[in-house]
Amino acid sequence: MDDEHEAKGTNEETDLSREVAAQAARKLKARRNPTPGVWFGLGMTGLIGWSVVIPTLLGAALGLWLDARHPGTHSWTLALLVAGLVLGCFNAWHWVAKEEKAMRNEQANNNE
């Protein structure tokens, strides 16, 4: 009867030690890779916003300078403003795609 009790106790200890080890591994992994918070999201929003605004403003400034130096029938300001906006949107799309890919890769690694 004691042998049966000892075998049962050993199995319970093994199961418990596995469960504790898995829980400790999850905690260590969570500490190494913290979940991004609200400030991270706001920072990314700001980064994406500035990646659109800066090329747009640079295009407008260059257009104003060209219009002042070389007046013509078409507006350099409008053309370069639109070009800067398109470049900025492409830049923002690139950042979002890069972050999405990184999140998917991290999620795939967590599931393995």
PDB file of N, CA and C in Angstrom:
ATOM      1  N   MET A   1       0.807  -1.181   0.000  1.00  0.00           N
ATOM      2  CA  MET A   1       0.000   0.000   0.000  1.00  0.00           C
ATOM      3  C   MET A   1       0.860   1.259   0.000  1.00  0.00           C
ATOM      4  N   ASP A   2       1.976   1.235   0.727  1.00  0.00           N
ATOM      5  CA  ASP A   2       2.871   2.388   0.760  1.00  0.00           C
ATOM      6  C   ASP A   2       3.518   2.623  -0.597  1.00  0.00           C
ATOM      7  N   ASP A   3       3.855   1.517  -1.305  1.00  0.00           N
ATOM      8  CA  ASP A   3       4.452   1.668  -2.635  1.00  0.00           C
ATOM      9  C   ASP A   3       3.478   2.349  -3.593  1.00  0.00           C
ATOM     10  N   GLU A   4       2.222   1.969  -3.495  1.00  0.00           N
ATOM     11  CA  GLU A   4       1.200   2.580  -4.357  1.00  0.00           C
ATOM     12  C   GLU A   4       1.032   4.056  -4.039  1.00  0.00           C
ATOM     13  N   HIS A   5       1.066   4.404  -2.762  1.00  0.00           N
ATOM     14  CA  HIS A   5       0.936   5.798  -2.340  1.00  0.00           C
ATOM     15  C   HIS A   5       2.153   6.617  -2.787  1.00  0.00           C
ATOM     16  N   GLU A   6       3.361   6.019  -2.684  1.00  0.00           N
ATOM     17  CA  GLU A   6       4.580   6.711  -3.106  1.00  0.00           C
ATOM     18  C   GLU A   6       4.583   6.956  -4.612  1.00  0.00           C
ATOM     19  N   ALA A   7       4.125   5.962  -5.403  1.00  0.00           N
ATOM     20  CA  ALA A   7       4.074   6.114  -6.859  1.00  0.00           C
ATOM     21  C   ALA A   7       3.082   7.213  -7.242  1.00  0.00           C
ATOM     22  N   LYS A   8       1.965   7.247  -6.552  1.00  0.00           N
ATOM     23  CA  LYS A   8       0.964   8.276  -6.836  1.00  0.00           C
ATOM     24  C   LYS A   8       1.505   9.656  -6.457  1.00  0.00           C
ATOM     25  N   GLY A   9       2.196   9.750  -5.332  1.00  0.00           N
ATOM     26  CA  GLY A   9       2.793  11.004  -4.897  1.00  0.00           C
ATOM     27  C   GLY A   9       3.867  11.479  -5.861  1.00  0.00           C
ATOM     28  N   THR A  10       4.658  10.585  -6.419  1.00  0.00           N
ATOM     29  CA  THR A  10       5.700  10.948  -7.369  1.00  0.00           C
ATOM     30  C   THR A  10       5.094  11.497  -8.650  1.00  0.00           C
ATOM     31  N   ASN A  11       4.013  10.873  -9.126  1.00  0.00           N
ATOM     32  CA  ASN A  11       3.339  11.369 -10.328  1.00  0.00           C
ATOM     33  C   ASN A  11       2.770  12.763 -10.105  1.00  0.00           C
ATOM     34  N   GLU A  12       2.164  12.975  -8.931  1.00  0.00           N
ATOM     35  CA  GLU A  12       1.605  14.284  -8.630  1.00  0.00           C
ATOM     36  C   GLU A  12       2.698  15.345  -8.560  1.00  0.00           C
ATOM     37  N   GLU A  13       3.847  14.979  -7.956  1.00  0.00           N
ATOM     38  CA  GLU A  13       4.957  15.921  -7.867  1.00  0.00           C
ATOM     39  C   GLU A  13       5.503  16.232  -9.258  1.00  0.00           C
ATOM     40  N   THR A  14       5.573  15.250 -10.132  1.00  0.00           N
ATOM     41  CA  THR A  14       6.072  15.466 -11.488  1.00  0.00           C
ATOM     42  C   THR A  14       5.119  16.381 -12.254  1.00  0.00           C
ATOM     43  N   ASP A  15       3.821  16.119 -12.154  1.00  0.00           N
ATOM     44  CA  ASP A  15       2.840  16.974 -12.818  1.00  0.00           C
ATOM     45  C   ASP A  15       2.907  18.398 -12.274  1.00  0.00           C
ATOM     46  N   LEU A  16       3.018  18.516 -10.959  1.00  0.00           N
ATOM     47  CA  LEU A  16       3.087  19.827 -10.335  1.00  0.00           C
ATOM     48  C   LEU A  16       4.362  20.561 -10.761  1.00  0.00           C
ATOM     49  N   SER A  17       5.470  19.849 -10.800  1.00  0.00           N
ATOM     50  CA  SER A  17       6.717  20.511 -11.192  1.00  0.00           C
ATOM     51  C   SER A  17       6.676  20.953 -12.651  1.00  0.00           C
ATOM     52  N   ARG A  18       6.044  20.177 -13.518  1.00  0.00           N
ATOM     53  CA  ARG A  18       5.897  20.588 -14.921  1.00  0.00           C
ATOM     54  C   ARG A  18       5.027  21.836 -15.036  1.00  0.00           C
ATOM     55  N   GLU A  19       3.935  21.834 -14.285  1.00  0.00           N
ATOM     56  CA  GLU A  19       3.025  22.979 -14.325  1.00  0.00           C
ATOM     57  C   GLU A  19       3.704  24.247 -13.800  1.00  0.00           C
ATOM     58  N   VAL A  20       4.454  24.112 -12.708  1.00  0.00           N
ATOM     59  CA  VAL A  20       5.167  25.260 -12.144  1.00  0.00           C
ATOM     60  C   VAL A  20       6.245  25.736 -13.108  1.00  0.00           C
ATOM     61  N   ALA A  21       6.958  24.823 -13.743  1.00  0.00           N
ATOM     62  CA  ALA A  21       7.999  25.202 -14.706  1.00  0.00           C
ATOM     63  C   ALA A  21       7.397  25.921 -15.917  1.00  0.00           C
ATOM     64  N   ALA A  22       6.258  25.447 -16.397  1.00  0.00           N
ATOM     65  CA  ALA A  22       5.598  26.097 -17.535  1.00  0.00           C
ATOM     66  C   ALA A  22       5.127  27.492 -17.151  1.00  0.00           C
ATOM     67  N   GLN A  23       4.577  27.628 -15.950  1.00  0.00           N
ATOM     68  CA  GLN A  23       4.113  28.930 -15.492  1.00  0.00           C
ATOM     69  C   GLN A  23       5.293  29.896 -15.320  1.00  0.00           C
ATOM     70  N   ALA A  24       6.394  29.413 -14.791  1.00  0.00           N
ATOM     71  CA  ALA A  24       7.581  30.262 -14.630  1.00  0.00           C
ATOM     72  C   ALA A  24       8.122  30.693 -15.992  1.00  0.00           C
ATOM     73  N   ALA A  25       8.120  29.786 -16.960  1.00  0.00           N
ATOM     74  CA  ALA A  25       8.588  30.132 -18.305  1.00  0.00           C
ATOM     75  C   ALA A  25       7.701  31.193 -18.935  1.00  0.00           C
ATOM     76  N   ARG A  26       6.375  31.080 -18.741  1.00  0.00           N
ATOM     77  CA  ARG A  26       5.458  32.091 -19.273  1.00  0.00           C
ATOM     78  C   ARG A  26       5.706  33.450 -18.632  1.00  0.00           C
ATOM     79  N   LYS A  27       5.940  33.476 -17.327  1.00  0.00           N
ATOM     80  CA  LYS A  27       6.195  34.741 -16.646  1.00  0.00           C
ATOM     81  C   LYS A  27       7.490  35.382 -17.131  1.00  0.00           C
ATOM     82  N   LEU A  28       8.541  34.574 -17.291  1.00  0.00           N
ATOM     83  CA  LEU A  28       9.809  35.107 -17.784  1.00  0.00           C
ATOM     84  C   LEU A  28       9.671  35.649 -19.198  1.00  0.00           C
ATOM     85  N   LYS A  29       8.928  34.943 -20.039  1.00  0.00           N
ATOM     86  CA  LYS A  29       8.708  35.403 -21.412  1.00  0.00           C
ATOM     87  C   LYS A  29       7.915  36.702 -21.418  1.00  0.00           C
ATOM     88  N   ALA A  30       6.918  36.826 -20.550  1.00  0.00           N
ATOM     89  CA  ALA A  30       6.115  38.047 -20.474  1.00  0.00           C
ATOM     90  C   ALA A  30       6.958  39.224 -19.992  1.00  0.00           C
ATOM     91  N   ARG A  31       7.903  38.978 -19.112  1.00  0.00           N
ATOM     92  CA  ARG A  31       8.777  40.060 -18.651  1.00  0.00           C
ATOM     93  C   ARG A  31       9.743  40.504 -19.741  1.00  0.00           C
ATOM     94  N   ARG A  32      10.216  39.557 -20.548  1.00  0.00           N
ATOM     95  CA  ARG A  32      11.139  39.910 -21.635  1.00  0.00           C
ATOM     96  C   ARG A  32      10.420  40.652 -22.748  1.00  0.00           C
ATOM     97  N   ASN A  33       9.174  40.298 -23.032  1.00  0.00           N
ATOM     98  CA  ASN A  33       8.397  40.903 -24.121  1.00  0.00           C
ATOM     99  C   ASN A  33       7.117  41.513 -23.561  1.00  0.00           C
ATOM    100  N   PRO A  34       7.220  42.709 -22.959  1.00  0.00           N
ATOM    101  CA  PRO A  34       6.004  43.302 -22.381  1.00  0.00           C
ATOM    102  C   PRO A  34       5.019  43.709 -23.468  1.00  0.00           C
ATOM    103  N   THR A  35       3.750  43.669 -23.111  1.00  0.00           N
ATOM    104  CA  THR A  35       2.690  44.076 -24.029  1.00  0.00           C
ATOM    105  C   THR A  35       2.727  45.591 -24.185  1.00  0.00           C
ATOM    106  N   PRO A  36       2.729  46.078 -25.432  1.00  0.00           N
ATOM    107  CA  PRO A  36       2.744  47.531 -25.617  1.00  0.00           C
ATOM    108  C   PRO A  36       1.481  48.164 -25.036  1.00  0.00           C
ATOM    109  N   GLY A  37       1.662  49.306 -24.402  1.00  0.00           N
ATOM    110  CA  GLY A  37       0.544  49.968 -23.758  1.00  0.00           C
ATOM    111  C   GLY A  37      -0.033  51.088 -24.605  1.00  0.00           C
ATOM    112  N   VAL A  38      -0.814  51.917 -23.939  1.00  0.00           N
ATOM    113  CA  VAL A  38      -1.488  53.023 -24.595  1.00  0.00           C
ATOM    114  C   VAL A  38      -0.470  54.015 -25.150  1.00  0.00           C
ATOM    115  N   TRP A  39       0.581  54.291 -24.390  1.00  0.00           N
ATOM    116  CA  TRP A  39       1.575  55.269 -24.830  1.00  0.00           C
ATOM    117  C   TRP A  39       2.284  54.806 -26.090  1.00  0.00           C
ATOM    118  N   PHE A  40       2.501  53.494 -26.208  1.00  0.00           N
ATOM    119  CA  PHE A  40       3.117  52.957 -27.425  1.00  0.00           C
ATOM    120  C   PHE A  40       2.210  53.214 -28.623  1.00  0.00           C
ATOM    121  N   GLY A  41       0.917  52.989 -28.453  1.00  0.00           N
ATOM    122  CA  GLY A  41      -0.041  53.235 -29.534  1.00  0.00           C
ATOM    123  C   GLY A  41      -0.100  54.701 -29.925  1.00  0.00           C
ATOM    124  N   LEU A  42      -0.092  55.578 -28.925  1.00  0.00           N
ATOM    125  CA  LEU A  42      -0.099  57.014 -29.213  1.00  0.00           C
ATOM    126  C   LEU A  42       1.199  57.440 -29.891  1.00  0.00           C
ATOM    127  N   GLY A  43       2.298  56.851 -29.460  1.00  0.00           N
ATOM    128  CA  GLY A  43       3.583  57.157 -30.095  1.00  0.00           C
ATOM    129  C   GLY A  43       3.612  56.718 -31.543  1.00  0.00           C
ATOM    130  N   MET A  44       3.065  55.542 -31.823  1.00  0.00           N
ATOM    131  CA  MET A  44       3.021  55.064 -33.213  1.00  0.00           C
ATOM    132  C   MET A  44       2.105  55.949 -34.052  1.00  0.00           C
ATOM    133  N   THR A  45       1.000  56.405 -33.473  1.00  0.00           N
ATOM    134  CA  THR A  45       0.109  57.308 -34.193  1.00  0.00           C
ATOM    135  C   THR A  45       0.831  58.609 -34.531  1.00  0.00           C
ATOM    136  N   GLY A  46       1.581  59.130 -33.574  1.00  0.00           N
ATOM    137  CA  GLY A  46       2.361  60.336 -33.815  1.00  0.00           C
ATOM    138  C   GLY A  46       3.428  60.121 -34.867  1.00  0.00           C
ATOM    139  N   LEU A  47       4.091  58.979 -34.813  1.00  0.00           N
ATOM    140  CA  LEU A  47       5.133  58.669 -35.793  1.00  0.00           C
ATOM    141  C   LEU A  47       4.549  58.589 -37.198  1.00  0.00           C
ATOM    142  N   ILE A  48       3.417  57.945 -37.317  1.00  0.00           N
ATOM    143  CA  ILE A  48       2.767  57.832 -38.628  1.00  0.00           C
ATOM    144  C   ILE A  48       2.297  59.206 -39.102  1.00  0.00           C
ATOM    145  N   GLY A  49       1.744  59.999 -38.192  1.00  0.00           N
ATOM    146  CA  GLY A  49       1.297  61.341 -38.555  1.00  0.00           C
ATOM    147  C   GLY A  49       2.436  62.215 -39.053  1.00  0.00           C
ATOM    148  N   TRP A  50       3.543  62.202 -38.328  1.00  0.00           N
ATOM    149  CA  TRP A  50       4.687  63.018 -38.741  1.00  0.00           C
ATOM    150  C   TRP A  50       5.315  62.500 -40.029  1.00  0.00           C
ATOM    151  N   SER A  51       5.233  61.192 -40.260  1.00  0.00           N
ATOM    152  CA  SER A  51       5.797  60.662 -41.505  1.00  0.00           C
ATOM    153  C   SER A  51       4.987  61.118 -42.727  1.00  0.00           C
ATOM    154  N   VAL A  52       3.752  61.569 -42.513  1.00  0.00           N
ATOM    155  CA  VAL A  52       2.952  62.137 -43.597  1.00  0.00           C
ATOM    156  C   VAL A  52       3.138  63.653 -43.648  1.00  0.00           C
ATOM    157  N   VAL A  53       3.151  64.297 -42.489  1.00  0.00           N
ATOM    158  CA  VAL A  53       3.197  65.759 -42.428  1.00  0.00           C
ATOM    159  C   VAL A  53       4.517  66.324 -42.948  1.00  0.00           C
ATOM    160  N   ILE A  54       5.631  65.743 -42.554  1.00  0.00           N
ATOM    161  CA  ILE A  54       6.935  66.320 -42.921  1.00  0.00           C
ATOM    162  C   ILE A  54       7.152  66.347 -44.435  1.00  0.00           C
ATOM    163  N   PRO A  55       6.957  65.236 -45.179  1.00  0.00           N
ATOM    164  CA  PRO A  55       7.131  65.336 -46.631  1.00  0.00           C
ATOM    165  C   PRO A  55       6.141  66.306 -47.287  1.00  0.00           C
ATOM    166  N   THR A  56       4.919  66.377 -46.746  1.00  0.00           N
ATOM    167  CA  THR A  56       3.924  67.304 -47.299  1.00  0.00           C
ATOM    168  C   THR A  56       4.373  68.752 -47.121  1.00  0.00           C
ATOM    169  N   LEU A  57       4.830  69.089 -45.927  1.00  0.00           N
ATOM    170  CA  LEU A  57       5.292  70.455 -45.674  1.00  0.00           C
ATOM    171  C   LEU A  57       6.561  70.786 -46.465  1.00  0.00           C
ATOM    172  N   LEU A  58       7.469  69.824 -46.584  1.00  0.00           N
ATOM    173  CA  LEU A  58       8.674  70.055 -47.379  1.00  0.00           C
ATOM    174  C   LEU A  58       8.318  70.282 -48.848  1.00  0.00           C
ATOM    175  N   GLY A  59       7.371  69.514 -49.357  1.00  0.00           N
ATOM    176  CA  GLY A  59       6.931  69.707 -50.735  1.00  0.00           C
ATOM    177  C   GLY A  59       6.297  71.073 -50.935  1.00  0.00           C
ATOM    178  N   ALA A  60       5.480  71.501 -49.981  1.00  0.00           N
ATOM    179  CA  ALA A  60       4.840  72.818 -50.080  1.00  0.00           C
ATOM    180  C   ALA A  60       5.880  73.934 -50.007  1.00  0.00           C
ATOM    181  N   ALA A  61       6.855  73.792 -49.099  1.00  0.00           N
ATOM    182  CA  ALA A  61       7.892  74.824 -48.972  1.00  0.00           C
ATOM    183  C   ALA A  61       8.739  74.916 -50.244  1.00  0.00           C
ATOM    184  N   LEU A  62       9.110  73.760 -50.785  1.00  0.00           N
ATOM    185  CA  LEU A  62       9.880  73.772 -52.035  1.00  0.00           C
ATOM    186  C   LEU A  62       9.047  74.365 -53.171  1.00  0.00           C
ATOM    187  N   GLY A  63       7.767  74.057 -53.202  1.00  0.00           N
ATOM    188  CA  GLY A  63       6.879  74.612 -54.220  1.00  0.00           C
ATOM    189  C   GLY A  63       6.750  76.116 -54.115  1.00  0.00           C
ATOM    190  N   LEU A  64       6.625  76.637 -52.895  1.00  0.00           N
ATOM    191  CA  LEU A  64       6.561  78.084 -52.699  1.00  0.00           C
ATOM    192  C   LEU A  64       7.853  78.757 -53.171  1.00  0.00           C
ATOM    193  N   TRP A  65       8.971  78.153 -52.852  1.00  0.00           N
ATOM    194  CA  TRP A  65      10.263  78.706 -53.270  1.00  0.00           C
ATOM    195  C   TRP A  65      10.372  78.720 -54.797  1.00  0.00           C
ATOM    196  N   LEU A  66       9.976  77.592 -55.434  1.00  0.00           N
ATOM    197  CA  LEU A  66      10.032  77.528 -56.895  1.00  0.00           C
ATOM    198  C   LEU A  66       9.062  78.518 -57.542  1.00  0.00           C
ATOM    199  N   ASP A  67       7.862  78.668 -56.965  1.00  0.00           N
ATOM    200  CA  ASP A  67       6.897  79.636 -57.510  1.00  0.00           C
ATOM    201  C   ASP A  67       7.431  81.064 -57.414  1.00  0.00           C
ATOM    202  N   ALA A  68       8.156  81.365 -56.343  1.00  0.00           N
ATOM    203  CA  ALA A  68       8.707  82.712 -56.181  1.00  0.00           C
ATOM    204  C   ALA A  68       9.864  82.950 -57.160  1.00  0.00           C
ATOM    205  N   ARG A  69      10.658  81.913 -57.424  1.00  0.00           N
ATOM    206  CA  ARG A  69      11.830  82.054 -58.289  1.00  0.00           C
ATOM    207  C   ARG A  69      11.502  81.897 -59.782  1.00  0.00           C
ATOM    208  N   HIS A  70      10.579  81.007 -60.088  1.00  0.00           N
ATOM    209  CA  HIS A  70      10.258  80.686 -61.484  1.00  0.00           C
ATOM    210  C   HIS A  70       8.739  80.674 -61.683  1.00  0.00           C
ATOM    211  N   PRO A  71       8.111  81.832 -61.727  1.00  0.00           N
ATOM    212  CA  PRO A  71       6.654  81.858 -61.928  1.00  0.00           C
ATOM    213  C   PRO A  71       6.302  81.301 -63.312  1.00  0.00           C
ATOM    214  N   GLY A  72       5.211  80.584 -63.355  1.00  0.00           N
ATOM    215  CA  GLY A  72       4.785  79.991 -64.615  1.00  0.00           C
ATOM    216  C   GLY A  72       3.284  79.832 -64.657  1.00  0.00           C
ATOM    217  N   THR A  73       2.831  79.017 -65.597  1.00  0.00           N
ATOM    218  CA  THR A  73       1.399  78.818 -65.761  1.00  0.00           C
ATOM    219  C   THR A  73       0.835  77.810 -64.758  1.00  0.00           C
ATOM    220  N   HIS A  74       1.669  76.942 -64.250  1.00  0.00           N
ATOM    221  CA  HIS A  74       1.169  75.970 -63.271  1.00  0.00           C
ATOM    222  C   HIS A  74       1.800  76.246 -61.905  1.00  0.00           C
ATOM    223  N   SER A  75       1.168  75.735 -60.866  1.00  0.00           N
ATOM    224  CA  SER A  75       1.608  76.000 -59.497  1.00  0.00           C
ATOM    225  C   SER A  75       2.528  74.880 -59.009  1.00  0.00           C
ATOM    226  N   TRP A  76       3.771  75.229 -58.771  1.00  0.00           N
ATOM    227  CA  TRP A  76       4.699  74.262 -58.185  1.00  0.00           C
ATOM    228  C   TRP A  76       4.270  73.898 -56.768  1.00  0.00           C
ATOM    229  N   THR A  77       3.705  74.842 -56.068  1.00  0.00           N
ATOM    230  CA  THR A  77       3.291  74.602 -54.678  1.00  0.00           C
ATOM    231  C   THR A  77       2.271  73.477 -54.611  1.00  0.00           C
ATOM    232  N   LEU A  78       1.252  73.559 -55.430  1.00  0.00           N
ATOM    233  CA  LEU A  78       0.210  72.533 -55.418  1.00  0.00           C
ATOM    234  C   LEU A  78       0.757  71.180 -55.865  1.00  0.00           C
ATOM    235  N   ALA A  79       1.554  71.183 -56.919  1.00  0.00           N
ATOM    236  CA  ALA A  79       2.099  69.928 -57.444  1.00  0.00           C
ATOM    237  C   ALA A  79       3.006  69.252 -56.419  1.00  0.00           C
ATOM    238  N   LEU A  80       3.895  70.010 -55.788  1.00  0.00           N
ATOM    239  CA  LEU A  80       4.814  69.415 -54.823  1.00  0.00           C
ATOM    240  C   LEU A  80       4.140  69.103 -53.494  1.00  0.00           C
ATOM    241  N   LEU A  81       3.083  69.838 -53.161  1.00  0.00           N
ATOM    242  CA  LEU A  81       2.301  69.512 -51.975  1.00  0.00           C
ATOM    243  C   LEU A  81       1.667  68.128 -52.141  1.00  0.00           C
ATOM    244  N   VAL A  82       1.071  67.880 -53.302  1.00  0.00           N
ATOM    245  CA  VAL A  82       0.450  66.576 -53.577  1.00  0.00           C
ATOM    246  C   VAL A  82       1.516  65.477 -53.629  1.00  0.00           C
ATOM    247  N   ALA A  83       2.660  65.784 -54.251  1.00  0.00           N
ATOM    248  CA  ALA A  83       3.742  64.792 -54.319  1.00  0.00           C
ATOM    249  C   ALA A  83       4.244  64.450 -52.915  1.00  0.00           C
ATOM    250  N   GLY A  84       4.388  65.449 -52.052  1.00  0.00           N
ATOM    251  CA  GLY A  84       4.805  65.202 -50.672  1.00  0.00           C
ATOM    252  C   GLY A  84       3.781  64.392 -49.902  1.00  0.00           C
ATOM    253  N   LEU A  85       2.507  64.669 -50.148  1.00  0.00           N
ATOM    254  CA  LEU A  85       1.442  63.921 -49.489  1.00  0.00           C
ATOM    255  C   LEU A  85       1.459  62.456 -49.911  1.00  0.00           C
ATOM    256  N   VAL A  86       1.638  62.211 -51.205  1.00  0.00           N
ATOM    257  CA  VAL A  86       1.702  60.835 -51.696  1.00  0.00           C
ATOM    258  C   VAL A  86       2.911  60.117 -51.103  1.00  0.00           C
ATOM    259  N   LEU A  87       4.054  60.787 -51.089  1.00  0.00           N
ATOM    260  CA  LEU A  87       5.266  60.196 -50.513  1.00  0.00           C
ATOM    261  C   LEU A  87       5.065  59.909 -49.021  1.00  0.00           C
ATOM    262  N   GLY A  88       4.445  60.838 -48.307  1.00  0.00           N
ATOM    263  CA  GLY A  88       4.192  60.636 -46.884  1.00  0.00           C
ATOM    264  C   GLY A  88       3.238  59.484 -46.614  1.00  0.00           C
ATOM    265  N   CYS A  89       2.201  59.353 -47.432  1.00  0.00           N
ATOM    266  CA  CYS A  89       1.256  58.234 -47.266  1.00  0.00           C
ATOM    267  C   CYS A  89       1.934  56.906 -47.550  1.00  0.00           C
ATOM    268  N   PHE A  90       2.790  56.879 -48.562  1.00  0.00           N
ATOM    269  CA  PHE A  90       3.537  55.656 -48.853  1.00  0.00           C
ATOM    270  C   PHE A  90       4.460  55.312 -47.684  1.00  0.00           C
ATOM    271  N   ASN A  91       5.098  56.324 -47.107  1.00  0.00           N
ATOM    272  CA  ASN A  91       5.975  56.128 -45.957  1.00  0.00           C
ATOM    273  C   ASN A  91       5.190  55.587 -44.759  1.00  0.00           C
ATOM    274  N   ALA A  92       4.014  56.143 -44.491  1.00  0.00           N
ATOM    275  CA  ALA A  92       3.175  55.672 -43.387  1.00  0.00           C
ATOM    276  C   ALA A  92       2.722  54.240 -43.637  1.00  0.00           C
ATOM    277  N   TRP A  93       2.336  53.932 -44.860  1.00  0.00           N
ATOM    278  CA  TRP A  93       1.931  52.562 -45.199  1.00  0.00           C
ATOM    279  C   TRP A  93       3.084  51.590 -44.944  1.00  0.00           C
ATOM    280  N   HIS A  94       4.290  52.006 -45.292  1.00  0.00           N
ATOM    281  CA  HIS A  94       5.476  51.163 -45.081  1.00  0.00           C
ATOM    282  C   HIS A  94       5.670  50.875 -43.590  1.00  0.00           C
ATOM    283  N   TRP A  95       5.558  51.908 -42.737  1.00  0.00           N
ATOM    284  CA  TRP A  95       5.716  51.734 -41.295  1.00  0.00           C
ATOM    285  C   TRP A  95       4.659  50.791 -40.730  1.00  0.00           C
ATOM    286  N   VAL A  96       3.414  50.981 -41.139  1.00  0.00           N
ATOM    287  CA  VAL A  96       2.322  50.137 -40.625  1.00  0.00           C
ATOM    288  C   VAL A  96       2.518  48.696 -41.070  1.00  0.00           C
ATOM    289  N   ALA A  97       2.888  48.466 -42.316  1.00  0.00           N
ATOM    290  CA  ALA A  97       3.119  47.105 -42.813  1.00  0.00           C
ATOM    291  C   ALA A  97       4.274  46.447 -42.068  1.00  0.00           C
ATOM    292  N   LYS A  98       5.316  47.221 -41.792  1.00  0.00           N
ATOM    293  CA  LYS A  98       6.473  46.682 -41.065  1.00  0.00           C
ATOM    294  C   LYS A  98       6.088  46.273 -39.652  1.00  0.00           C
ATOM    295  N   GLU A  99       5.333  47.107 -38.959  1.00  0.00           N
ATOM    296  CA  GLU A  99       4.895  46.794 -37.600  1.00  0.00           C
ATOM    297  C   GLU A  99       3.936  45.601 -37.579  1.00  0.00           C
ATOM    298  N   GLU A 100       3.050  45.532 -38.568  1.00  0.00           N
ATOM    299  CA  GLU A 100       2.113  44.411 -38.634  1.00  0.00           C
ATOM    300  C   GLU A 100       2.859  43.102 -38.851  1.00  0.00           C
ATOM    301  N   LYS A 101       3.847  43.120 -39.712  1.00  0.00           N
ATOM    302  CA  LYS A 101       4.652  41.923 -39.972  1.00  0.00           C
ATOM    303  C   LYS A 101       5.394  41.494 -38.709  1.00  0.00           C
ATOM    304  N   ALA A 102       5.943  42.454 -37.978  1.00  0.00           N
ATOM    305  CA  ALA A 102       6.649  42.135 -36.736  1.00  0.00           C
ATOM    306  C   ALA A 102       5.693  41.530 -35.703  1.00  0.00           C
ATOM    307  N   MET A 103       4.471  42.080 -35.607  1.00  0.00           N
ATOM    308  CA  MET A 103       3.498  41.531 -34.658  1.00  0.00           C
ATOM    309  C   MET A 103       3.086  40.119 -35.051  1.00  0.00           C
ATOM    310  N   ARG A 104       2.893  39.878 -36.354  1.00  0.00           N
ATOM    311  CA  ARG A 104       2.525  38.525 -36.800  1.00  0.00           C
ATOM    312  C   ARG A 104       3.640  37.523 -36.536  1.00  0.00           C
ATOM    313  N   ASN A 105       4.879  37.926 -36.769  1.00  0.00           N
ATOM    314  CA  ASN A 105       6.015  37.034 -36.516  1.00  0.00           C
ATOM    315  C   ASN A 105       6.117  36.719 -35.024  1.00  0.00           C
ATOM    316  N   GLU A 106       5.926  37.731 -34.182  1.00  0.00           N
ATOM    317  CA  GLU A 106       5.975  37.517 -32.740  1.00  0.00           C
ATOM    318  C   GLU A 106       4.858  36.598 -32.285  1.00  0.00           C
ATOM    319  N   GLN A 107       3.663  36.775 -32.864  1.00  0.00           N
ATOM    320  CA  GLN A 107       2.527  35.938 -32.510  1.00  0.00           C
ATOM    321  C   GLN A 107       2.768  34.495 -32.957  1.00  0.00           C
ATOM    322  N   ALA A 108       3.352  34.328 -34.129  1.00  0.00           N
ATOM    323  CA  ALA A 108       3.656  32.978 -34.612  1.00  0.00           C
ATOM    324  C   ALA A 108       4.701  32.304 -33.727  1.00  0.00           C
ATOM    325  N   ASN A 109       5.685  33.058 -33.256  1.00  0.00           N
ATOM    326  CA  ASN A 109       6.698  32.504 -32.366  1.00  0.00           C
ATOM    327  C   ASN A 109       6.105  32.142 -31.019  1.00  0.00           C
ATOM    328  N   ASN A 110       5.125  32.914 -30.546  1.00  0.00           N
ATOM    329  CA  ASN A 110       4.481  32.602 -29.266  1.00  0.00           C
ATOM    330  C   ASN A 110       3.642  31.349 -29.361  1.00  0.00           C
ATOM    331  N   ASN A 111       3.059  31.070 -30.521  1.00  0.00           N
ATOM    332  CA  ASN A 111       2.201  29.902 -30.684  1.00  0.00           C
ATOM    333  C   ASN A 111       2.998  28.614 -30.828  1.00  0.00           C
ATOM    334  N   GLU A 112       4.269  28.718 -31.154  1.00  0.00           N
ATOM    335  CA  GLU A 112       5.092  27.500 -31.322  1.00  0.00           C
ATOM    336  C   GLU A 112       5.537  26.941 -30.021  1.00  0.00           C
TER     337      GLU A 112
END
